[in-house]
Amino acid sequence: MPFGDSIDGDQIGWLTSGSPDEWRLQLVPRHAEQGPPLSEPLADVLLGWLQGRLRVAGLYRFDKDELADAATFWSPS
C-alpha cells in the first residue's frame, strides 16, 4: 500500500501482510529493482535516508553537506 513518493518518483509503502503491527516498509526506487522489505520503523528509515545512511540501489543518496546547505530555519515573528 503506497503512501508516499519522492520528487524523483521513488515510492515508499507498507507490505500489508498480517496485522498492521506486523507491516513492513517497502521502498521501490524508480531506477532500480525493488529490494527486500525494510525491518526498521518508518521514522528510522526516513532519518537514515536524510542522513545519508540508508543505502538502497537506485534511491537518491543525500550527503551531509547537501542537507546542511538546504536546511533553512526561521522564527515566527
PDB file of N, CA and C in Angstrom:
ATOM      1  N   MET A   1       0.858  -1.161   0.000  1.00  0.00           N
ATOM      2  CA  MET A   1       0.000   0.000   0.000  1.00  0.00           C
ATOM      3  C   MET A   1       0.912   1.234   0.000  1.00  0.00           C
ATOM      4  N   PRO A   2       1.097   1.851  -1.159  1.00  0.00           N
ATOM      5  CA  PRO A   2       1.957   3.040  -1.224  1.00  0.00           C
ATOM      6  C   PRO A   2       1.351   4.200  -0.449  1.00  0.00           C
ATOM      7  N   PHE A   3       2.216   4.985   0.204  1.00  0.00           N
ATOM      8  CA  PHE A   3       1.730   6.162   0.914  1.00  0.00           C
ATOM      9  C   PHE A   3       2.584   7.394   0.675  1.00  0.00           C
ATOM     10  N   GLY A   4       3.655   7.262  -0.081  1.00  0.00           N
ATOM     11  CA  GLY A   4       4.478   8.437  -0.347  1.00  0.00           C
ATOM     12  C   GLY A   4       5.415   8.199  -1.506  1.00  0.00           C
ATOM     13  N   ASP A   5       5.927   9.300  -2.033  1.00  0.00           N
ATOM     14  CA  ASP A   5       6.918   9.204  -3.096  1.00  0.00           C
ATOM     15  C   ASP A   5       7.866  10.384  -3.033  1.00  0.00           C
ATOM     16  N   SER A   6       8.993  10.223  -3.693  1.00  0.00           N
ATOM     17  CA  SER A   6       9.982  11.297  -3.741  1.00  0.00           C
ATOM     18  C   SER A   6       9.740  12.148  -4.978  1.00  0.00           C
ATOM     19  N   ILE A   7      10.436  13.250  -5.045  1.00  0.00           N
ATOM     20  CA  ILE A   7      10.337  14.124  -6.214  1.00  0.00           C
ATOM     21  C   ILE A   7      10.821  13.408  -7.474  1.00  0.00           C
ATOM     22  N   ASP A   8      11.646  12.361  -7.290  1.00  0.00           N
ATOM     23  CA  ASP A   8      12.184  11.603  -8.416  1.00  0.00           C
ATOM     24  C   ASP A   8      11.315  10.420  -8.827  1.00  0.00           C
ATOM     25  N   GLY A   9      10.209  10.188  -8.106  1.00  0.00           N
ATOM     26  CA  GLY A   9       9.311   9.099  -8.460  1.00  0.00           C
ATOM     27  C   GLY A   9       9.564   7.803  -7.713  1.00  0.00           C
ATOM     28  N   ASP A  10      10.478   7.807  -6.729  1.00  0.00           N
ATOM     29  CA  ASP A  10      10.668   6.638  -5.882  1.00  0.00           C
ATOM     30  C   ASP A  10       9.456   6.531  -4.960  1.00  0.00           C
ATOM     31  N   GLN A  11       9.036   5.316  -4.645  1.00  0.00           N
ATOM     32  CA  GLN A  11       7.855   5.133  -3.805  1.00  0.00           C
ATOM     33  C   GLN A  11       8.205   4.424  -2.507  1.00  0.00           C
ATOM     34  N   ILE A  12       7.422   4.714  -1.472  1.00  0.00           N
ATOM     35  CA  ILE A  12       7.514   4.019  -0.195  1.00  0.00           C
ATOM     36  C   ILE A  12       6.105   3.611   0.204  1.00  0.00           C
ATOM     37  N   GLY A  13       6.000   2.432   0.772  1.00  0.00           N
ATOM     38  CA  GLY A  13       4.685   1.951   1.173  1.00  0.00           C
ATOM     39  C   GLY A  13       4.797   0.832   2.176  1.00  0.00           C
ATOM     40  N   TRP A  14       3.653   0.319   2.561  1.00  0.00           N
ATOM     41  CA  TRP A  14       3.576  -0.780   3.522  1.00  0.00           C
ATOM     42  C   TRP A  14       3.291  -2.079   2.777  1.00  0.00           C
ATOM     43  N   LEU A  15       3.933  -3.166   3.209  1.00  0.00           N
ATOM     44  CA  LEU A  15       3.554  -4.505   2.765  1.00  0.00           C
ATOM     45  C   LEU A  15       2.467  -4.961   3.730  1.00  0.00           C
ATOM     46  N   THR A  16       1.264  -5.088   3.251  1.00  0.00           N
ATOM     47  CA  THR A  16       0.098  -5.318   4.114  1.00  0.00           C
ATOM     48  C   THR A  16      -0.139  -6.802   4.349  1.00  0.00           C
ATOM     49  N   SER A  17       0.848  -7.464   4.897  1.00  0.00           N
ATOM     50  CA  SER A  17       0.738  -8.881   5.217  1.00  0.00           C
ATOM     51  C   SER A  17       0.655  -9.035   6.735  1.00  0.00           C
ATOM     52  N   GLY A  18      -0.384  -9.692   7.219  1.00  0.00           N
ATOM     53  CA  GLY A  18      -0.580  -9.848   8.650  1.00  0.00           C
ATOM     54  C   GLY A  18      -1.318  -8.662   9.239  1.00  0.00           C
ATOM     55  N   SER A  19      -1.208  -8.506  10.556  1.00  0.00           N
ATOM     56  CA  SER A  19      -1.869  -7.384  11.228  1.00  0.00           C
ATOM     57  C   SER A  19      -1.054  -6.105  10.986  1.00  0.00           C
ATOM     58  N   PRO A  20      -1.679  -4.927  11.086  1.00  0.00           N
ATOM     59  CA  PRO A  20      -0.955  -3.675  10.838  1.00  0.00           C
ATOM     60  C   PRO A  20       0.319  -3.519  11.668  1.00  0.00           C
ATOM     61  N   ASP A  21       0.363  -4.086  12.857  1.00  0.00           N
ATOM     62  CA  ASP A  21       1.569  -4.015  13.673  1.00  0.00           C
ATOM     63  C   ASP A  21       2.729  -4.800  13.066  1.00  0.00           C
ATOM     64  N   GLU A  22       2.429  -5.701  12.142  1.00  0.00           N
ATOM     65  CA  GLU A  22       3.454  -6.530  11.511  1.00  0.00           C
ATOM     66  C   GLU A  22       3.875  -6.017  10.138  1.00  0.00           C
ATOM     67  N   TRP A  23       3.196  -4.995   9.605  1.00  0.00           N
ATOM     68  CA  TRP A  23       3.509  -4.493   8.279  1.00  0.00           C
ATOM     69  C   TRP A  23       4.935  -3.972   8.230  1.00  0.00           C
ATOM     70  N   ARG A  24       5.608  -4.240   7.130  1.00  0.00           N
ATOM     71  CA  ARG A  24       6.974  -3.764   6.928  1.00  0.00           C
ATOM     72  C   ARG A  24       6.995  -2.745   5.798  1.00  0.00           C
ATOM     73  N   LEU A  25       8.008  -1.914   5.828  1.00  0.00           N
ATOM     74  CA  LEU A  25       8.163  -0.886   4.796  1.00  0.00           C
ATOM     75  C   LEU A  25       8.776  -1.473   3.541  1.00  0.00           C
ATOM     76  N   GLN A  26       8.372  -0.940   2.399  1.00  0.00           N
ATOM     77  CA  GLN A  26       8.950  -1.342   1.124  1.00  0.00           C
ATOM     78  C   GLN A  26       9.292  -0.086   0.336  1.00  0.00           C
ATOM     79  N   LEU A  27      10.524   0.009  -0.104  1.00  0.00           N
ATOM     80  CA  LEU A  27      10.947   1.096  -0.989  1.00  0.00           C
ATOM     81  C   LEU A  27      11.002   0.564  -2.405  1.00  0.00           C
ATOM     82  N   VAL A  28      10.491   1.352  -3.346  1.00  0.00           N
ATOM     83  CA  VAL A  28      10.518   0.976  -4.752  1.00  0.00           C
ATOM     84  C   VAL A  28      11.213   2.109  -5.508  1.00  0.00           C
ATOM     85  N   PRO A  29      12.538   1.981  -5.713  1.00  0.00           N
ATOM     86  CA  PRO A  29      13.266   3.018  -6.440  1.00  0.00           C
ATOM     87  C   PRO A  29      12.835   3.066  -7.904  1.00  0.00           C
ATOM     88  N   ARG A  30      12.817   4.243  -8.458  1.00  0.00           N
ATOM     89  CA  ARG A  30      12.405   4.410  -9.854  1.00  0.00           C
ATOM     90  C   ARG A  30      13.422   3.819 -10.819  1.00  0.00           C
ATOM     91  N   HIS A  31      14.711   3.882 -10.467  1.00  0.00           N
ATOM     92  CA  HIS A  31      15.765   3.482 -11.401  1.00  0.00           C
ATOM     93  C   HIS A  31      16.468   2.189 -11.017  1.00  0.00           C
ATOM     94  N   ALA A  32      15.830   1.341 -10.217  1.00  0.00           N
ATOM     95  CA  ALA A  32      16.457   0.077  -9.824  1.00  0.00           C
ATOM     96  C   ALA A  32      15.377  -0.928  -9.466  1.00  0.00           C
ATOM     97  N   GLU A  33      15.796  -2.181  -9.341  1.00  0.00           N
ATOM     98  CA  GLU A  33      14.872  -3.229  -8.937  1.00  0.00           C
ATOM     99  C   GLU A  33      14.464  -3.049  -7.476  1.00  0.00           C
ATOM    100  N   GLN A  34      13.266  -3.441  -7.178  1.00  0.00           N
ATOM    101  CA  GLN A  34      12.772  -3.400  -5.798  1.00  0.00           C
ATOM    102  C   GLN A  34      13.568  -4.388  -4.962  1.00  0.00           C
ATOM    103  N   GLY A  35      14.049  -3.939  -3.823  1.00  0.00           N
ATOM    104  CA  GLY A  35      14.799  -4.804  -2.920  1.00  0.00           C
ATOM    105  C   GLY A  35      13.900  -5.438  -1.881  1.00  0.00           C
ATOM    106  N   PRO A  36      14.511  -6.059  -0.875  1.00  0.00           N
ATOM    107  CA  PRO A  36      13.719  -6.695   0.177  1.00  0.00           C
ATOM    108  C   PRO A  36      13.047  -5.654   1.066  1.00  0.00           C
ATOM    109  N   PRO A  37      12.013  -6.059   1.792  1.00  0.00           N
ATOM    110  CA  PRO A  37      11.373  -5.135   2.731  1.00  0.00           C
ATOM    111  C   PRO A  37      12.365  -4.676   3.795  1.00  0.00           C
ATOM    112  N   LEU A  38      12.091  -3.520   4.358  1.00  0.00           N
ATOM    113  CA  LEU A  38      12.944  -2.973   5.409  1.00  0.00           C
ATOM    114  C   LEU A  38      12.403  -3.386   6.768  1.00  0.00           C
ATOM    115  N   SER A  39      13.293  -3.600   7.711  1.00  0.00           N
ATOM    116  CA  SER A  39      12.847  -4.034   9.041  1.00  0.00           C
ATOM    117  C   SER A  39      12.778  -2.881  10.028  1.00  0.00           C
ATOM    118  N   GLU A  40      13.342  -1.726   9.674  1.00  0.00           N
ATOM    119  CA  GLU A  40      13.343  -0.583  10.583  1.00  0.00           C
ATOM    120  C   GLU A  40      11.997   0.136  10.567  1.00  0.00           C
ATOM    121  N   PRO A  41      11.663   0.831  11.657  1.00  0.00           N
ATOM    122  CA  PRO A  41      10.441   1.646  11.688  1.00  0.00           C
ATOM    123  C   PRO A  41      10.548   2.823  10.711  1.00  0.00           C
ATOM    124  N   LEU A  42       9.403   3.354  10.314  1.00  0.00           N
ATOM    125  CA  LEU A  42       9.344   4.432   9.336  1.00  0.00           C
ATOM    126  C   LEU A  42      10.229   5.620   9.710  1.00  0.00           C
ATOM    127  N   ALA A  43      10.155   6.091  10.938  1.00  0.00           N
ATOM    128  CA  ALA A  43      10.946   7.257  11.340  1.00  0.00           C
ATOM    129  C   ALA A  43      12.434   6.985  11.188  1.00  0.00           C
ATOM    130  N   ASP A  44      12.886   5.794  11.533  1.00  0.00           N
ATOM    131  CA  ASP A  44      14.302   5.446  11.395  1.00  0.00           C
ATOM    132  C   ASP A  44      14.719   5.394   9.933  1.00  0.00           C
ATOM    133  N   VAL A  45      13.854   4.880   9.061  1.00  0.00           N
ATOM    134  CA  VAL A  45      14.157   4.810   7.633  1.00  0.00           C
ATOM    135  C   VAL A  45      14.288   6.216   7.056  1.00  0.00           C
ATOM    136  N   LEU A  46      13.334   7.085   7.358  1.00  0.00           N
ATOM    137  CA  LEU A  46      13.387   8.446   6.825  1.00  0.00           C
ATOM    138  C   LEU A  46      14.592   9.209   7.358  1.00  0.00           C
ATOM    139  N   LEU A  47      14.878   9.084   8.642  1.00  0.00           N
ATOM    140  CA  LEU A  47      16.039   9.752   9.218  1.00  0.00           C
ATOM    141  C   LEU A  47      17.336   9.211   8.610  1.00  0.00           C
ATOM    142  N   GLY A  48      17.426   7.912   8.463  1.00  0.00           N
ATOM    143  CA  GLY A  48      18.609   7.314   7.842  1.00  0.00           C
ATOM    144  C   GLY A  48      18.801   7.781   6.418  1.00  0.00           C
ATOM    145  N   TRP A  49      17.701   7.928   5.672  1.00  0.00           N
ATOM    146  CA  TRP A  49      17.784   8.405   4.288  1.00  0.00           C
ATOM    147  C   TRP A  49      18.286   9.847   4.262  1.00  0.00           C
ATOM    148  N   LEU A  50      17.703  10.691   5.095  1.00  0.00           N
ATOM    149  CA  LEU A  50      18.101  12.102   5.117  1.00  0.00           C
ATOM    150  C   LEU A  50      19.529  12.293   5.626  1.00  0.00           C
ATOM    151  N   GLN A  51      20.002  11.396   6.466  1.00  0.00           N
ATOM    152  CA  GLN A  51      21.362  11.490   6.987  1.00  0.00           C
ATOM    153  C   GLN A  51      22.377  10.801   6.086  1.00  0.00           C
ATOM    154  N   GLY A  52      21.916  10.187   4.988  1.00  0.00           N
ATOM    155  CA  GLY A  52      22.826   9.532   4.058  1.00  0.00           C
ATOM    156  C   GLY A  52      23.259   8.139   4.497  1.00  0.00           C
ATOM    157  N   ARG A  53      22.605   7.564   5.510  1.00  0.00           N
ATOM    158  CA  ARG A  53      22.964   6.230   5.996  1.00  0.00           C
ATOM    159  C   ARG A  53      22.190   5.115   5.308  1.00  0.00           C
ATOM    160  N   LEU A  54      21.037   5.422   4.734  1.00  0.00           N
ATOM    161  CA  LEU A  54      20.219   4.408   4.065  1.00  0.00           C
ATOM    162  C   LEU A  54      20.792   4.144   2.677  1.00  0.00           C
ATOM    163  N   ARG A  55      21.095   2.906   2.397  1.00  0.00           N
ATOM    164  CA  ARG A  55      21.665   2.543   1.099  1.00  0.00           C
ATOM    165  C   ARG A  55      20.718   1.576   0.396  1.00  0.00           C
ATOM    166  N   VAL A  56      19.994   2.108  -0.560  1.00  0.00           N
ATOM    167  CA  VAL A  56      19.075   1.316  -1.369  1.00  0.00           C
ATOM    168  C   VAL A  56      19.410   1.618  -2.826  1.00  0.00           C
ATOM    169  N   ALA A  57      19.702   0.576  -3.600  1.00  0.00           N
ATOM    170  CA  ALA A  57      20.078   0.761  -5.001  1.00  0.00           C
ATOM    171  C   ALA A  57      19.029   1.589  -5.733  1.00  0.00           C
ATOM    172  N   GLY A  58      19.472   2.615  -6.438  1.00  0.00           N
ATOM    173  CA  GLY A  58      18.578   3.449  -7.230  1.00  0.00           C
ATOM    174  C   GLY A  58      17.944   4.593  -6.478  1.00  0.00           C
ATOM    175  N   LEU A  59      18.015   4.603  -5.161  1.00  0.00           N
ATOM    176  CA  LEU A  59      17.416   5.670  -4.364  1.00  0.00           C
ATOM    177  C   LEU A  59      18.429   6.783  -4.172  1.00  0.00           C
ATOM    178  N   TYR A  60      18.010   8.017  -4.387  1.00  0.00           N
ATOM    179  CA  TYR A  60      18.913   9.150  -4.252  1.00  0.00           C
ATOM    180  C   TYR A  60      19.557   9.143  -2.873  1.00  0.00           C
ATOM    181  N   ARG A  61      20.853   9.380  -2.834  1.00  0.00           N
ATOM    182  CA  ARG A  61      21.574   9.383  -1.561  1.00  0.00           C
ATOM    183  C   ARG A  61      22.024  10.796  -1.243  1.00  0.00           C
ATOM    184  N   PHE A  62      21.510  11.324  -0.152  1.00  0.00           N
ATOM    185  CA  PHE A  62      21.894  12.655   0.301  1.00  0.00           C
ATOM    186  C   PHE A  62      23.274  12.578   0.937  1.00  0.00           C
ATOM    187  N   ASP A  63      24.040  13.665   0.816  1.00  0.00           N
ATOM    188  CA  ASP A  63      25.259  13.744   1.610  1.00  0.00           C
ATOM    189  C   ASP A  63      25.077  14.863   2.625  1.00  0.00           C
ATOM    190  N   LYS A  64      25.858  14.826   3.692  1.00  0.00           N
ATOM    191  CA  LYS A  64      25.629  15.753   4.803  1.00  0.00           C
ATOM    192  C   LYS A  64      25.808  17.206   4.400  1.00  0.00           C
ATOM    193  N   ASP A  65      26.715  17.501   3.481  1.00  0.00           N
ATOM    194  CA  ASP A  65      26.908  18.880   3.055  1.00  0.00           C
ATOM    195  C   ASP A  65      25.701  19.399   2.277  1.00  0.00           C
ATOM    196  N   GLU A  66      25.135  18.548   1.469  1.00  0.00           N
ATOM    197  CA  GLU A  66      23.961  18.938   0.682  1.00  0.00           C
ATOM    198  C   GLU A  66      22.790  19.283   1.602  1.00  0.00           C
ATOM    199  N   LEU A  67      22.575  18.472   2.617  1.00  0.00           N
ATOM    200  CA  LEU A  67      21.477  18.734   3.534  1.00  0.00           C
ATOM    201  C   LEU A  67      21.723  19.980   4.364  1.00  0.00           C
ATOM    202  N   ALA A  68      22.959  20.194   4.788  1.00  0.00           N
ATOM    203  CA  ALA A  68      23.277  21.391   5.576  1.00  0.00           C
ATOM    204  C   ALA A  68      23.036  22.645   4.746  1.00  0.00           C
ATOM    205  N   ASP A  69      23.368  22.615   3.469  1.00  0.00           N
ATOM    206  CA  ASP A  69      23.149  23.771   2.602  1.00  0.00           C
ATOM    207  C   ASP A  69      21.664  24.017   2.355  1.00  0.00           C
ATOM    208  N   ALA A  70      20.873  22.948   2.314  1.00  0.00           N
ATOM    209  CA  ALA A  70      19.452  23.086   2.006  1.00  0.00           C
ATOM    210  C   ALA A  70      18.599  23.427   3.228  1.00  0.00           C
ATOM    211  N   ALA A  71      19.127  23.170   4.407  1.00  0.00           N
ATOM    212  CA  ALA A  71      18.347  23.405   5.624  1.00  0.00           C
ATOM    213  C   ALA A  71      18.167  24.899   5.856  1.00  0.00           C
ATOM    214  N   THR A  72      16.957  25.284   6.141  1.00  0.00           N
ATOM    215  CA  THR A  72      16.670  26.678   6.485  1.00  0.00           C
ATOM    216  C   THR A  72      15.887  26.695   7.787  1.00  0.00           C
ATOM    217  N   PHE A  73      16.140  27.691   8.563  1.00  0.00           N
ATOM    218  CA  PHE A  73      15.454  27.835   9.846  1.00  0.00           C
ATOM    219  C   PHE A  73      14.828  29.218   9.905  1.00  0.00           C
ATOM    220  N   TRP A  74      13.686  29.274  10.501  1.00  0.00           N
ATOM    221  CA  TRP A  74      13.038  30.571  10.625  1.00  0.00           C
ATOM    222  C   TRP A  74      12.309  30.611  11.958  1.00  0.00           C
ATOM    223  N   SER A  75      12.066  31.803  12.378  1.00  0.00           N
ATOM    224  CA  SER A  75      11.372  32.005  13.630  1.00  0.00           C
ATOM    225  C   SER A  75      10.121  32.830  13.345  1.00  0.00           C
ATOM    226  N   PRO A  76       8.960  32.353  13.812  1.00  0.00           N
ATOM    227  CA  PRO A  76       7.756  33.152  13.585  1.00  0.00           C
ATOM    228  C   PRO A  76       7.879  34.495  14.295  1.00  0.00           C
ATOM    229  N   SER A  77       7.442  35.550  13.634  1.00  0.00           N
ATOM    230  CA  SER A  77       7.546  36.870  14.267  1.00  0.00           C
ATOM    231  C   SER A  77       6.215  37.355  14.766  1.00  0.00           C
TER     232      SER A  77
END
